[in-house]
Amino acid sequence: MGSPEWRHEQADAAGRWRASLGQLRDRADNLDASVVLAAREIDRQPTEKAREHYLDMLVKLTHVADGVRALVDGEMERVGVRLESIRNFDPDASGESASG
């Protein structure tokens, strides 16, 4: 099963991996919190088109944050759904996806 040193190295690597995943989750949560704060600035955008563009970017950022959390949780199907929603999001379609 390996030497005690090898097992110790494996345990250290697993701990670093868990810590990295925790940091990713924290960053996703921070991104969501930043989106909430940024949403308060929508009305300060100079034109309706600028407000729509700003909102579209915030929506994409929430999808990114959810995708990161899905990755951390090992939910690869959800990661794919989030990536697809970002890829298909069409800001000129009144908030609807390009495919629908």
Protein backbone atom coordinates (compact mmCIF):
# COMPACT_ATOMS: atom_id res chain seq x y z
CA MET A 1 0.00 0.00 0.00
CA GLY A 2 3.05 2.24 -0.01
CA SER A 3 5.51 3.45 2.52
CA PRO A 4 4.51 5.73 5.39
CA GLU A 5 6.24 8.59 3.57
CA TRP A 6 4.22 7.95 0.41
CA ARG A 7 0.96 7.83 2.40
CA HIS A 8 1.92 11.07 4.13
CA GLU A 9 2.63 12.73 0.78
CA GLN A 10 -0.72 11.53 -0.55
CA ALA A 11 -2.53 12.87 2.51
CA ASP A 12 -0.76 16.22 2.10
CA ALA A 13 -1.73 16.36 -1.57
CA ALA A 14 -5.35 15.54 -0.73
CA GLY A 15 -5.37 18.27 1.91
CA ARG A 16 -4.00 20.81 -0.54
CA TRP A 17 -6.63 19.76 -3.09
CA ARG A 18 -9.45 20.21 -0.56
CA ALA A 19 -8.04 23.60 0.44
CA SER A 20 -7.88 24.65 -3.22
CA LEU A 21 -11.49 23.62 -3.75
CA GLY A 22 -12.50 25.58 -0.66
CA GLN A 23 -10.74 28.65 -2.03
CA LEU A 24 -12.55 28.26 -5.35
CA ARG A 25 -15.90 28.04 -3.56
CA ASP A 26 -15.04 31.14 -1.52
CA ARG A 27 -14.15 33.02 -4.69
CA ALA A 28 -17.44 32.00 -6.32
CA ASP A 29 -19.31 33.23 -3.24
CA ASN A 30 -17.33 36.49 -3.31
CA LEU A 31 -18.18 36.90 -7.00
CA ASP A 32 -21.88 36.51 -6.22
CA ALA A 33 -21.60 39.07 -3.42
CA SER A 34 -19.84 41.46 -5.80
CA VAL A 35 -22.59 40.99 -8.37
CA VAL A 36 -25.18 41.95 -5.76
CA LEU A 37 -23.23 45.11 -4.96
CA ALA A 38 -22.67 45.90 -8.63
CA ALA A 39 -26.38 45.46 -9.37
CA ARG A 40 -27.01 48.53 -7.23
CA GLU A 41 -25.09 50.54 -9.81
CA ILE A 42 -27.30 49.65 -12.78
CA ASP A 43 -29.30 52.86 -12.50
CA ARG A 44 -26.10 54.89 -12.76
CA GLN A 45 -25.46 53.66 -16.28
CA PRO A 46 -25.95 56.53 -18.76
CA THR A 47 -28.31 54.83 -21.24
CA GLU A 48 -30.86 52.05 -21.33
CA LYS A 49 -28.58 50.07 -23.64
CA ALA A 50 -25.69 50.48 -21.18
CA ARG A 51 -27.95 49.33 -18.32
CA GLU A 52 -29.00 46.26 -20.31
CA HIS A 53 -25.39 45.46 -21.16
CA TYR A 54 -24.36 45.88 -17.51
CA LEU A 55 -27.18 43.57 -16.39
CA ASP A 56 -26.27 41.00 -19.04
CA MET A 57 -22.69 40.91 -17.75
CA LEU A 58 -23.91 40.46 -14.18
CA VAL A 59 -26.11 37.54 -15.25
CA LYS A 60 -23.13 35.89 -16.93
CA LEU A 61 -21.05 36.37 -13.80
CA THR A 62 -23.67 34.61 -11.69
CA HIS A 63 -23.57 31.69 -14.13
CA VAL A 64 -19.77 31.61 -13.80
CA ALA A 65 -19.98 31.56 -10.00
CA ASP A 66 -22.54 28.75 -10.07
CA GLY A 67 -20.39 26.82 -12.54
CA VAL A 68 -17.38 27.12 -10.23
CA ARG A 69 -19.43 25.82 -7.29
CA ALA A 70 -20.66 22.94 -9.45
CA LEU A 71 -17.07 22.11 -10.37
CA VAL A 72 -16.06 22.12 -6.71
CA ASP A 73 -19.01 19.84 -5.93
CA GLY A 74 -18.07 17.49 -8.76
CA GLU A 75 -21.38 18.10 -10.53
CA MET A 76 -20.04 18.04 -14.06
CA GLU A 77 -23.48 18.05 -15.68
CA ARG A 78 -24.30 21.30 -13.88
CA VAL A 79 -20.94 22.72 -14.99
CA GLY A 80 -21.90 21.92 -18.57
CA VAL A 81 -25.32 23.53 -18.15
CA ARG A 82 -23.76 26.71 -16.79
CA LEU A 83 -21.14 26.87 -19.55
CA GLU A 84 -23.83 26.34 -22.16
CA SER A 85 -26.02 29.05 -20.64
CA ILE A 86 -23.10 31.49 -20.81
CA ARG A 87 -22.26 30.46 -24.35
CA ASN A 88 -25.86 30.79 -25.58
CA PHE A 89 -26.75 33.97 -23.72
CA ASP A 90 -27.67 36.62 -26.27
CA PRO A 91 -27.84 40.10 -24.76
CA ASP A 92 -29.76 41.35 -27.80
CA ALA A 93 -32.58 38.86 -27.27
CA SER A 94 -34.20 40.66 -24.32
CA GLY A 95 -32.67 38.37 -21.72
CA GLU A 96 -33.39 35.14 -23.54
CA SER A 97 -30.86 32.62 -24.74
CA ALA A 98 -29.76 32.66 -28.36
CA SER A 99 -31.46 29.32 -28.90
CA GLY A 100 -34.75 30.25 -27.33
